[in-house]
Amino acid sequence: MKLGYSSIIGKAHYHNIEFEIIAKKLRDHKTASTRNFLDVGFGRGKYLDLAKELDYLPNGIEVNQEYIEKATAKGYACHHLNALTEISIRFDAILISHVIEHLKPEELVDVLETYIQMLNSDGILIIASPLRGERFYYDITHIRPYYPQSIWHSFGGNIEELSLGRSRSILELKDIYFVRDCYRTRNFRSYYINDGLGFASSILKITNYLLAALYNISGSRIGIRASWLGIYTKK
């Protein structure tokens, strides 16, 4: 392991752990007949690249035209969200990573229902989403957190009444992970401002380096729970 500050800090992020889990699940699910992969909200395309490495056929949905053009240039089949109805194939694996927290409750059921209908009968749906906490609100586009119970209430065997109704699709939770992020001291002036705070900034930098090293050495076990990741199939 590289011991430089940037290397240690960069590795100590829960998205890296999510990536490892998703890679394993896609690798374990892959068979000779398993081909089509869809990443909903693929961003810069790291999971499209992963899918290609694992011999899936990468497909993506995005609203950012720049991302779509870059992914298309790599040979990936990518579409704007507005063209979703033009996709006729079914998928063996669908990834919805850090998307549902950007949806209003009245949108959640319809959006997930759409993608469930695009899933093969023996396919897997992977959902990753942040947990509620201070860090959730760092992203101003986050609307609200959703939990595994949120999916179960609308897509599971829950018998409680729901004001927004229940999906016609039923999902079965096959596996679940709660992913930790590195502890980090962010609520200090010296975290953001260095001018005139040289000593305090140095102490804070050392502290965060040690916290990141502890997170990495512990295999991400020492940290704060930041997200959950569920593996679903449809009944």
Protein backbone atom coordinates (compact mmCIF):
# COMPACT_ATOMS: atom_id res chain seq x y z
CA MET A 1 0.00 0.00 0.00
CA LYS A 2 1.26 3.44 -0.90
CA LEU A 3 1.69 5.54 2.23
CA GLY A 4 1.51 9.03 0.72
CA TYR A 5 -1.14 11.42 2.04
CA SER A 6 -3.18 11.54 -1.18
CA SER A 7 -3.04 7.78 -1.60
CA ILE A 8 -4.17 6.98 1.95
CA ILE A 9 -6.90 9.63 1.97
CA GLY A 10 -8.09 8.68 -1.52
CA LYS A 11 -8.42 5.01 -0.66
CA ALA A 12 -10.35 5.75 2.55
CA HIS A 13 -13.75 6.35 0.97
CA TYR A 14 -16.87 4.24 1.16
CA HIS A 15 -17.44 4.43 -2.60
CA ASN A 16 -14.34 2.25 -3.00
CA ILE A 17 -15.88 -0.39 -0.74
CA GLU A 18 -19.16 -0.24 -2.65
CA PHE A 19 -17.23 -0.73 -5.88
CA GLU A 20 -15.56 -3.86 -4.51
CA ILE A 21 -18.91 -5.32 -3.40
CA ILE A 22 -20.62 -4.55 -6.70
CA ALA A 23 -17.70 -6.01 -8.66
CA LYS A 24 -17.92 -9.24 -6.66
CA LYS A 25 -21.68 -9.51 -7.10
CA LEU A 26 -21.47 -8.95 -10.85
CA ARG A 27 -18.61 -11.43 -11.12
CA ASP A 28 -20.52 -14.07 -9.12
CA HIS A 29 -23.69 -13.54 -11.16
CA LYS A 30 -22.00 -13.80 -14.56
CA THR A 31 -22.72 -16.94 -16.54
CA ALA A 32 -22.29 -17.92 -20.18
CA SER A 33 -25.76 -16.59 -20.95
CA THR A 34 -25.54 -13.48 -18.75
CA ARG A 35 -24.74 -10.53 -20.96
CA ASN A 36 -26.66 -7.29 -20.57
CA PHE A 37 -25.82 -4.75 -17.86
CA LEU A 38 -27.56 -1.42 -17.24
CA ASP A 39 -26.20 1.38 -15.05
CA VAL A 40 -28.85 3.95 -14.17
CA GLY A 41 -27.24 7.36 -13.72
CA PHE A 42 -23.81 6.12 -14.76
CA GLY A 43 -21.96 9.44 -14.29
CA ARG A 44 -18.33 9.16 -15.38
CA GLY A 45 -18.87 5.50 -16.25
CA LYS A 46 -16.71 3.57 -13.79
CA TYR A 47 -19.30 0.78 -13.56
CA LEU A 48 -19.66 0.66 -17.34
CA ASP A 49 -15.91 0.09 -17.49
CA LEU A 50 -16.21 -2.59 -14.83
CA ALA A 51 -19.03 -4.32 -16.70
CA LYS A 52 -16.92 -4.44 -19.85
CA GLU A 53 -14.01 -5.95 -17.92
CA LEU A 54 -16.38 -8.65 -16.66
CA ASP A 55 -17.63 -9.42 -20.18
CA TYR A 56 -21.04 -7.82 -19.79
CA LEU A 57 -22.50 -5.64 -22.52
CA PRO A 58 -22.53 -2.17 -20.89
CA ASN A 59 -25.64 -0.01 -21.21
CA GLY A 60 -26.30 3.24 -19.42
CA ILE A 61 -28.94 5.86 -18.61
CA GLU A 62 -27.99 9.46 -17.90
CA VAL A 63 -29.31 13.03 -18.07
CA ASN A 64 -25.87 14.60 -18.50
CA GLN A 65 -25.24 14.81 -22.25
CA GLU A 66 -21.47 15.20 -21.81
CA TYR A 67 -21.28 11.92 -19.91
CA ILE A 68 -23.41 10.22 -22.55
CA GLU A 69 -21.13 11.37 -25.36
CA LYS A 70 -17.98 10.24 -23.56
CA ALA A 71 -19.45 6.81 -22.76
CA THR A 72 -20.77 6.40 -26.31
CA ALA A 73 -17.30 7.19 -27.64
CA LYS A 74 -16.06 4.16 -25.71
CA GLY A 75 -18.56 1.99 -27.52
CA TYR A 76 -21.11 1.73 -24.72
CA ALA A 77 -24.84 1.76 -25.49
CA CYS A 78 -25.94 4.82 -23.56
CA HIS A 79 -29.20 6.72 -23.66
CA HIS A 80 -30.65 9.91 -22.30
CA LEU A 81 -33.36 9.39 -19.71
CA ASN A 82 -35.88 10.88 -22.13
CA ALA A 83 -35.18 8.01 -24.54
CA LEU A 84 -35.78 5.28 -21.95
CA THR A 85 -38.80 3.90 -23.78
CA GLU A 86 -36.62 3.19 -26.82
CA ILE A 87 -34.76 0.42 -24.97
CA SER A 88 -36.32 -2.92 -25.85
CA ILE A 89 -33.79 -5.40 -24.41
CA ARG A 90 -33.95 -6.95 -20.96
CA PHE A 91 -31.04 -6.90 -18.56
CA ASP A 92 -29.29 -9.54 -16.50
CA ALA A 93 -28.01 -6.96 -14.01
CA ILE A 94 -29.26 -3.44 -13.31
CA LEU A 95 -27.37 -1.06 -11.04
CA ILE A 96 -29.08 1.93 -9.41
CA SER A 97 -26.29 3.49 -7.38
CA HIS A 98 -26.81 6.73 -5.46
CA VAL A 99 -29.88 7.68 -7.47
CA ILE A 100 -32.99 7.04 -5.37
CA GLU A 101 -32.06 9.67 -2.77
CA HIS A 102 -32.54 12.27 -5.53
CA LEU A 103 -36.18 11.20 -6.00
CA LYS A 104 -39.32 12.42 -4.27
CA PRO A 105 -41.38 9.71 -2.55
CA GLU A 106 -44.13 9.96 -5.15
CA GLU A 107 -41.52 9.29 -7.86
CA LEU A 108 -39.72 6.39 -6.23
CA VAL A 109 -42.22 3.60 -6.88
CA ASP A 110 -42.80 4.51 -10.53
CA VAL A 111 -39.08 4.89 -11.28
CA LEU A 112 -38.08 1.60 -9.69
CA GLU A 113 -41.07 -0.15 -11.26
CA THR A 114 -39.87 0.95 -14.69
CA TYR A 115 -36.44 -0.61 -14.22
CA ILE A 116 -37.78 -3.76 -12.58
CA GLN A 117 -39.81 -4.37 -15.75
CA MET A 118 -36.54 -4.15 -17.72
CA LEU A 119 -34.94 -6.91 -15.63
CA ASN A 120 -34.75 -10.52 -16.80
CA SER A 121 -36.60 -13.03 -14.65
CA ASP A 122 -33.31 -14.37 -13.25
CA GLY A 123 -31.53 -11.01 -13.21
CA ILE A 124 -30.32 -9.02 -10.23
CA LEU A 125 -31.10 -5.45 -9.23
CA ILE A 126 -28.42 -3.69 -7.18
CA ILE A 127 -29.45 -0.61 -5.21
CA ALA A 128 -26.95 1.55 -3.30
CA SER A 129 -27.96 4.64 -1.35
CA PRO A 130 -26.55 6.80 1.47
CA LEU A 131 -27.77 6.62 5.04
CA ARG A 132 -29.12 9.65 6.86
CA GLY A 133 -26.51 11.70 8.67
CA GLU A 134 -24.52 14.88 8.44
CA ARG A 135 -22.76 13.71 5.29
CA PHE A 136 -26.04 13.05 3.51
CA TYR A 137 -26.65 16.78 3.28
CA TYR A 138 -23.28 17.65 1.78
CA ASP A 139 -24.89 17.02 -1.61
CA ILE A 140 -27.51 19.74 -2.09
CA THR A 141 -29.36 17.64 -4.69
CA HIS A 142 -30.24 14.96 -2.13
CA ILE A 143 -33.96 15.08 -1.37
CA ARG A 144 -34.30 12.44 1.34
CA PRO A 145 -32.73 9.15 2.40
CA TYR A 146 -34.38 5.80 1.70
CA TYR A 147 -33.70 2.58 3.55
CA PRO A 148 -34.07 -1.14 2.86
CA GLN A 149 -37.38 -0.88 4.72
CA SER A 150 -38.49 1.74 2.20
CA ILE A 151 -38.03 -0.75 -0.63
CA TRP A 152 -39.65 -3.54 1.36
CA HIS A 153 -42.71 -1.42 2.12
CA SER A 154 -43.46 -0.77 -1.54
CA PHE A 155 -41.96 -3.83 -3.23
CA GLY A 156 -42.07 -6.52 -0.55
CA GLY A 157 -44.50 -8.48 1.54
CA ASN A 158 -45.43 -5.62 3.83
CA ILE A 159 -49.14 -5.58 4.72
CA GLU A 160 -49.26 -2.04 6.11
CA GLU A 161 -51.30 0.55 4.26
CA LEU A 162 -49.38 2.94 2.02
CA SER A 163 -50.73 6.35 1.06
CA LEU A 164 -48.74 6.25 -2.18
CA GLY A 165 -49.87 2.75 -3.09
CA ARG A 166 -47.85 -0.39 -3.67
CA SER A 167 -45.91 -1.55 -6.69
CA ARG A 168 -47.28 -4.38 -8.80
CA SER A 169 -43.76 -5.86 -8.77
CA ILE A 170 -42.36 -7.82 -5.84
CA LEU A 171 -38.64 -7.75 -5.01
CA GLU A 172 -36.84 -10.34 -2.90
CA LEU A 173 -33.81 -9.15 -0.95
CA LYS A 174 -30.99 -11.65 -1.51
CA ASP A 175 -28.15 -9.85 0.29
CA ILE A 176 -27.45 -6.56 1.99
CA TYR A 177 -24.41 -4.59 3.15
CA PHE A 178 -23.98 -1.55 5.36
CA VAL A 179 -20.86 0.28 4.24
CA ARG A 180 -18.71 2.44 6.48
CA ASP A 181 -16.90 5.63 5.55
CA CYS A 182 -13.73 6.95 7.14
CA TYR A 183 -14.00 9.20 10.18
CA ARG A 184 -12.88 12.70 9.26
CA THR A 185 -12.69 16.00 11.15
CA ARG A 186 -14.59 18.49 9.02
CA ASN A 187 -16.10 20.86 11.58
CA PHE A 188 -13.01 22.98 12.14
CA ARG A 189 -12.01 26.24 10.49
CA SER A 190 -8.60 24.83 9.69
CA TYR A 191 -10.21 22.11 7.54
CA TYR A 192 -11.30 24.78 5.09
CA ILE A 193 -8.96 27.76 5.67
CA ASN A 194 -5.18 27.52 5.80
CA ASP A 195 -4.26 31.20 5.85
CA GLY A 196 -2.91 32.04 9.31
CA LEU A 197 -3.84 28.59 10.61
CA GLY A 198 -0.74 26.70 9.54
CA PHE A 199 -0.16 24.78 12.77
CA ALA A 200 -3.83 23.91 13.23
CA SER A 201 -4.08 22.84 9.60
CA SER A 202 -1.04 20.58 9.97
CA ILE A 203 -2.48 18.93 13.08
CA LEU A 204 -5.82 18.41 11.33
CA LYS A 205 -4.11 16.96 8.27
CA ILE A 206 -2.13 14.51 10.40
CA THR A 207 -5.30 13.54 12.29
CA ASN A 208 -7.22 12.84 9.11
CA TYR A 209 -4.27 10.89 7.70
CA LEU A 210 -4.20 8.66 10.79
CA LEU A 211 -7.98 8.17 10.70
CA ALA A 212 -7.77 7.21 7.02
CA ALA A 213 -4.89 4.81 7.70
CA LEU A 214 -6.89 3.21 10.53
CA TYR A 215 -9.88 2.81 8.20
CA ASN A 216 -7.76 1.18 5.52
CA ILE A 217 -5.85 -1.10 7.89
CA SER A 218 -9.08 -2.26 9.54
CA GLY A 219 -10.58 -3.19 6.17
CA SER A 220 -13.12 -0.34 6.48
CA ARG A 221 -14.43 -1.75 9.79
CA ILE A 222 -13.47 1.35 11.81
CA GLY A 223 -15.56 4.21 10.49
CA ILE A 224 -19.05 5.63 10.36
CA ARG A 225 -21.88 3.85 8.55
CA ALA A 226 -22.48 5.82 5.38
CA SER A 227 -24.55 3.74 2.94
CA TRP A 228 -26.43 0.53 2.33
CA LEU A 229 -26.31 -1.76 -0.67
CA GLY A 230 -29.01 -4.31 -1.45
CA ILE A 231 -29.06 -7.16 -3.97
CA TYR A 232 -32.57 -7.93 -5.22
CA THR A 233 -34.30 -10.35 -7.54
CA LYS A 234 -37.89 -10.09 -8.71
CA LYS A 235 -40.55 -12.64 -7.95
